[in-house]
């Protein structure tokens, strides 16, 4: 039997999802980088084996599937909130930019410019 507990979340602009035990966000429980750690986000229709907590609908469920095998089950306050979170998490998973320092690369600035237009669109012959 699965037990549910209340958590608070922050989704950062760099794609990290932070989990807290309390509303004041003093105790960080977990930290997942959606771009690096997440391989899938399951919506309610893919969470059939999961039972929501009392008073919540099945459409309020979502799951984050991680590369390390963890599956994090979440239940939003409503189906609309679950959809909004699913969309935000998918966006963070697909569109965030991971800074090189997060992978242990040296931070250096390299000057670059786009190629000249003539290279992109050669003159027709």
C-alpha atoms as a PDB file:
ATOM      1  CA  UNK A   1       0.000   0.000   0.000  1.00  0.00           C
ATOM      2  CA  UNK A   2       1.404   3.345  -1.045  1.00  0.00           C
ATOM      3  CA  UNK A   3       1.389   6.172   1.475  1.00  0.00           C
ATOM      4  CA  UNK A   4       1.151   9.731   0.249  1.00  0.00           C
ATOM      5  CA  UNK A   5       2.791  12.698   1.932  1.00  0.00           C
ATOM      6  CA  UNK A   6       2.598  16.373   1.143  1.00  0.00           C
ATOM      7  CA  UNK A   7       5.609  18.071  -0.453  1.00  0.00           C
ATOM      8  CA  UNK A   8       6.340  21.486  -1.930  1.00  0.00           C
ATOM      9  CA  UNK A   9       8.172  21.956  -5.211  1.00  0.00           C
ATOM     10  CA  UNK A  10      10.172  24.592  -7.037  1.00  0.00           C
ATOM     11  CA  UNK A  11      10.924  24.220 -10.735  1.00  0.00           C
ATOM     12  CA  UNK A  12      13.997  26.337 -11.485  1.00  0.00           C
ATOM     13  CA  UNK A  13      14.760  27.994 -14.809  1.00  0.00           C
ATOM     14  CA  UNK A  14      17.786  25.708 -15.248  1.00  0.00           C
ATOM     15  CA  UNK A  15      15.499  22.653 -15.191  1.00  0.00           C
ATOM     16  CA  UNK A  16      16.061  21.503 -11.616  1.00  0.00           C
ATOM     17  CA  UNK A  17      13.028  20.298  -9.690  1.00  0.00           C
ATOM     18  CA  UNK A  18      13.480  20.805  -5.950  1.00  0.00           C
ATOM     19  CA  UNK A  19      11.376  18.879  -3.391  1.00  0.00           C
ATOM     20  CA  UNK A  20      10.805  20.224   0.114  1.00  0.00           C
ATOM     21  CA  UNK A  21       9.239  18.730   3.232  1.00  0.00           C
ATOM     22  CA  UNK A  22       7.796  22.031   4.409  1.00  0.00           C
ATOM     23  CA  UNK A  23       6.144  25.089   2.945  1.00  0.00           C
ATOM     24  CA  UNK A  24       8.957  27.332   4.196  1.00  0.00           C
ATOM     25  CA  UNK A  25      11.345  25.320   1.992  1.00  0.00           C
ATOM     26  CA  UNK A  26      13.918  24.764   4.735  1.00  0.00           C
ATOM     27  CA  UNK A  27      14.482  21.013   4.314  1.00  0.00           C
ATOM     28  CA  UNK A  28      15.428  19.991   0.791  1.00  0.00           C
ATOM     29  CA  UNK A  29      14.258  16.414   0.335  1.00  0.00           C
ATOM     30  CA  UNK A  30      15.395  15.793  -3.234  1.00  0.00           C
ATOM     31  CA  UNK A  31      16.727  17.535  -6.330  1.00  0.00           C
ATOM     32  CA  UNK A  32      16.187  16.243  -9.870  1.00  0.00           C
ATOM     33  CA  UNK A  33      17.576  17.878 -12.967  1.00  0.00           C
ATOM     34  CA  UNK A  34      14.822  17.296 -15.504  1.00  0.00           C
ATOM     35  CA  UNK A  35      17.121  17.578 -18.538  1.00  0.00           C
ATOM     36  CA  UNK A  36      19.742  15.195 -17.142  1.00  0.00           C
ATOM     37  CA  UNK A  37      17.913  12.806 -14.784  1.00  0.00           C
ATOM     38  CA  UNK A  38      14.435  12.455 -16.314  1.00  0.00           C
ATOM     39  CA  UNK A  39      13.714  10.046 -19.168  1.00  0.00           C
ATOM     40  CA  UNK A  40       9.910  10.242 -19.170  1.00  0.00           C
ATOM     41  CA  UNK A  41       6.931  11.968 -17.602  1.00  0.00           C
ATOM     42  CA  UNK A  42       3.800   9.861 -17.326  1.00  0.00           C
ATOM     43  CA  UNK A  43       0.392  11.497 -17.240  1.00  0.00           C
ATOM     44  CA  UNK A  44      -2.681  10.115 -15.497  1.00  0.00           C
ATOM     45  CA  UNK A  45      -3.564   7.757 -18.335  1.00  0.00           C
ATOM     46  CA  UNK A  46      -0.177   6.014 -17.947  1.00  0.00           C
ATOM     47  CA  UNK A  47      -0.495   5.769 -14.142  1.00  0.00           C
ATOM     48  CA  UNK A  48      -3.222   3.136 -14.080  1.00  0.00           C
ATOM     49  CA  UNK A  49      -1.539   1.002 -11.388  1.00  0.00           C
ATOM     50  CA  UNK A  50      -1.320   4.009  -9.086  1.00  0.00           C
ATOM     51  CA  UNK A  51      -4.159   4.859  -6.708  1.00  0.00           C
ATOM     52  CA  UNK A  52      -4.583   8.549  -5.829  1.00  0.00           C
ATOM     53  CA  UNK A  53      -4.934   9.660  -2.213  1.00  0.00           C
ATOM     54  CA  UNK A  54      -8.429   9.973  -0.757  1.00  0.00           C
ATOM     55  CA  UNK A  55     -10.381  12.844  -2.250  1.00  0.00           C
ATOM     56  CA  UNK A  56      -8.212  13.153  -5.382  1.00  0.00           C
ATOM     57  CA  UNK A  57      -9.064  12.019  -8.892  1.00  0.00           C
ATOM     58  CA  UNK A  58      -6.955   9.695 -11.029  1.00  0.00           C
ATOM     59  CA  UNK A  59      -6.476  12.591 -13.476  1.00  0.00           C
ATOM     60  CA  UNK A  60      -4.463  14.410 -10.774  1.00  0.00           C
ATOM     61  CA  UNK A  61      -1.622  11.873 -10.994  1.00  0.00           C
ATOM     62  CA  UNK A  62       1.703  12.077 -12.807  1.00  0.00           C
ATOM     63  CA  UNK A  63       5.027  10.259 -12.564  1.00  0.00           C
ATOM     64  CA  UNK A  64       8.624  11.243 -13.262  1.00  0.00           C
ATOM     65  CA  UNK A  65      10.738   8.333 -14.524  1.00  0.00           C
ATOM     66  CA  UNK A  66      14.458   8.815 -13.827  1.00  0.00           C
ATOM     67  CA  UNK A  67      17.540   7.329 -15.479  1.00  0.00           C
ATOM     68  CA  UNK A  68      18.600   5.702 -12.212  1.00  0.00           C
ATOM     69  CA  UNK A  69      15.373   3.662 -12.089  1.00  0.00           C
ATOM     70  CA  UNK A  70      13.460   5.830  -9.640  1.00  0.00           C
ATOM     71  CA  UNK A  71       9.832   6.565 -10.400  1.00  0.00           C
ATOM     72  CA  UNK A  72       8.535   9.589  -8.522  1.00  0.00           C
ATOM     73  CA  UNK A  73       4.759   9.570  -8.192  1.00  0.00           C
ATOM     74  CA  UNK A  74       3.034  12.919  -7.732  1.00  0.00           C
ATOM     75  CA  UNK A  75      -0.549  13.932  -7.152  1.00  0.00           C
ATOM     76  CA  UNK A  76      -1.529  17.512  -7.910  1.00  0.00           C
ATOM     77  CA  UNK A  77      -4.418  19.327  -6.247  1.00  0.00           C
ATOM     78  CA  UNK A  78      -6.534  18.981  -9.407  1.00  0.00           C
ATOM     79  CA  UNK A  79      -6.492  17.555 -12.922  1.00  0.00           C
ATOM     80  CA  UNK A  80      -5.790  21.052 -14.285  1.00  0.00           C
ATOM     81  CA  UNK A  81      -2.810  21.445 -11.943  1.00  0.00           C
ATOM     82  CA  UNK A  82      -1.514  18.020 -12.991  1.00  0.00           C
ATOM     83  CA  UNK A  83      -1.735  19.024 -16.644  1.00  0.00           C
ATOM     84  CA  UNK A  84       0.034  22.335 -15.953  1.00  0.00           C
ATOM     85  CA  UNK A  85       2.814  20.552 -14.008  1.00  0.00           C
ATOM     86  CA  UNK A  86       3.171  17.911 -16.728  1.00  0.00           C
ATOM     87  CA  UNK A  87       3.560  20.604 -19.385  1.00  0.00           C
ATOM     88  CA  UNK A  88       6.040  22.600 -17.264  1.00  0.00           C
ATOM     89  CA  UNK A  89       8.106  19.495 -16.471  1.00  0.00           C
ATOM     90  CA  UNK A  90       8.127  18.401 -20.113  1.00  0.00           C
ATOM     91  CA  UNK A  91       9.248  21.882 -21.121  1.00  0.00           C
ATOM     92  CA  UNK A  92      12.020  21.808 -18.501  1.00  0.00           C
ATOM     93  CA  UNK A  93      13.053  18.330 -19.659  1.00  0.00           C
ATOM     94  CA  UNK A  94      13.262  19.268 -23.321  1.00  0.00           C
ATOM     95  CA  UNK A  95      14.178  22.947 -23.412  1.00  0.00           C
ATOM     96  CA  UNK A  96      16.493  23.836 -20.538  1.00  0.00           C
ATOM     97  CA  UNK A  97      20.130  24.633 -21.100  1.00  0.00           C
ATOM     98  CA  UNK A  98      22.554  22.783 -18.870  1.00  0.00           C
ATOM     99  CA  UNK A  99      25.521  24.931 -17.922  1.00  0.00           C
ATOM    100  CA  UNK A 100      28.904  23.317 -18.705  1.00  0.00           C
ATOM    101  CA  UNK A 101      29.976  23.644 -15.057  1.00  0.00           C
ATOM    102  CA  UNK A 102      27.313  21.087 -14.101  1.00  0.00           C
ATOM    103  CA  UNK A 103      29.245  18.453 -16.034  1.00  0.00           C
ATOM    104  CA  UNK A 104      32.694  19.338 -14.727  1.00  0.00           C
ATOM    105  CA  UNK A 105      33.943  21.210 -17.784  1.00  0.00           C
ATOM    106  CA  UNK A 106      36.128  24.261 -17.423  1.00  0.00           C
ATOM    107  CA  UNK A 107      34.192  27.445 -17.827  1.00  0.00           C
ATOM    108  CA  UNK A 108      35.648  29.511 -20.588  1.00  0.00           C
ATOM    109  CA  UNK A 109      34.119  32.011 -22.915  1.00  0.00           C
ATOM    110  CA  UNK A 110      34.606  31.275 -26.572  1.00  0.00           C
ATOM    111  CA  UNK A 111      33.821  34.046 -29.012  1.00  0.00           C
ATOM    112  CA  UNK A 112      31.652  32.907 -31.851  1.00  0.00           C
ATOM    113  CA  UNK A 113      29.567  34.374 -34.601  1.00  0.00           C
ATOM    114  CA  UNK A 114      27.147  32.905 -37.091  1.00  0.00           C
ATOM    115  CA  UNK A 115      28.585  32.016 -40.519  1.00  0.00           C
ATOM    116  CA  UNK A 116      28.326  34.627 -43.251  1.00  0.00           C
ATOM    117  CA  UNK A 117      25.038  34.664 -45.123  1.00  0.00           C
ATOM    118  CA  UNK A 118      26.809  33.612 -48.331  1.00  0.00           C
ATOM    119  CA  UNK A 119      27.694  30.262 -46.708  1.00  0.00           C
ATOM    120  CA  UNK A 120      24.125  29.652 -45.629  1.00  0.00           C
ATOM    121  CA  UNK A 121      22.497  30.587 -48.903  1.00  0.00           C
ATOM    122  CA  UNK A 122      24.877  30.096 -51.853  1.00  0.00           C
ATOM    123  CA  UNK A 123      24.222  31.993 -55.024  1.00  0.00           C
ATOM    124  CA  UNK A 124      22.176  29.911 -57.478  1.00  0.00           C
ATOM    125  CA  UNK A 125      24.020  28.841 -60.623  1.00  0.00           C
END
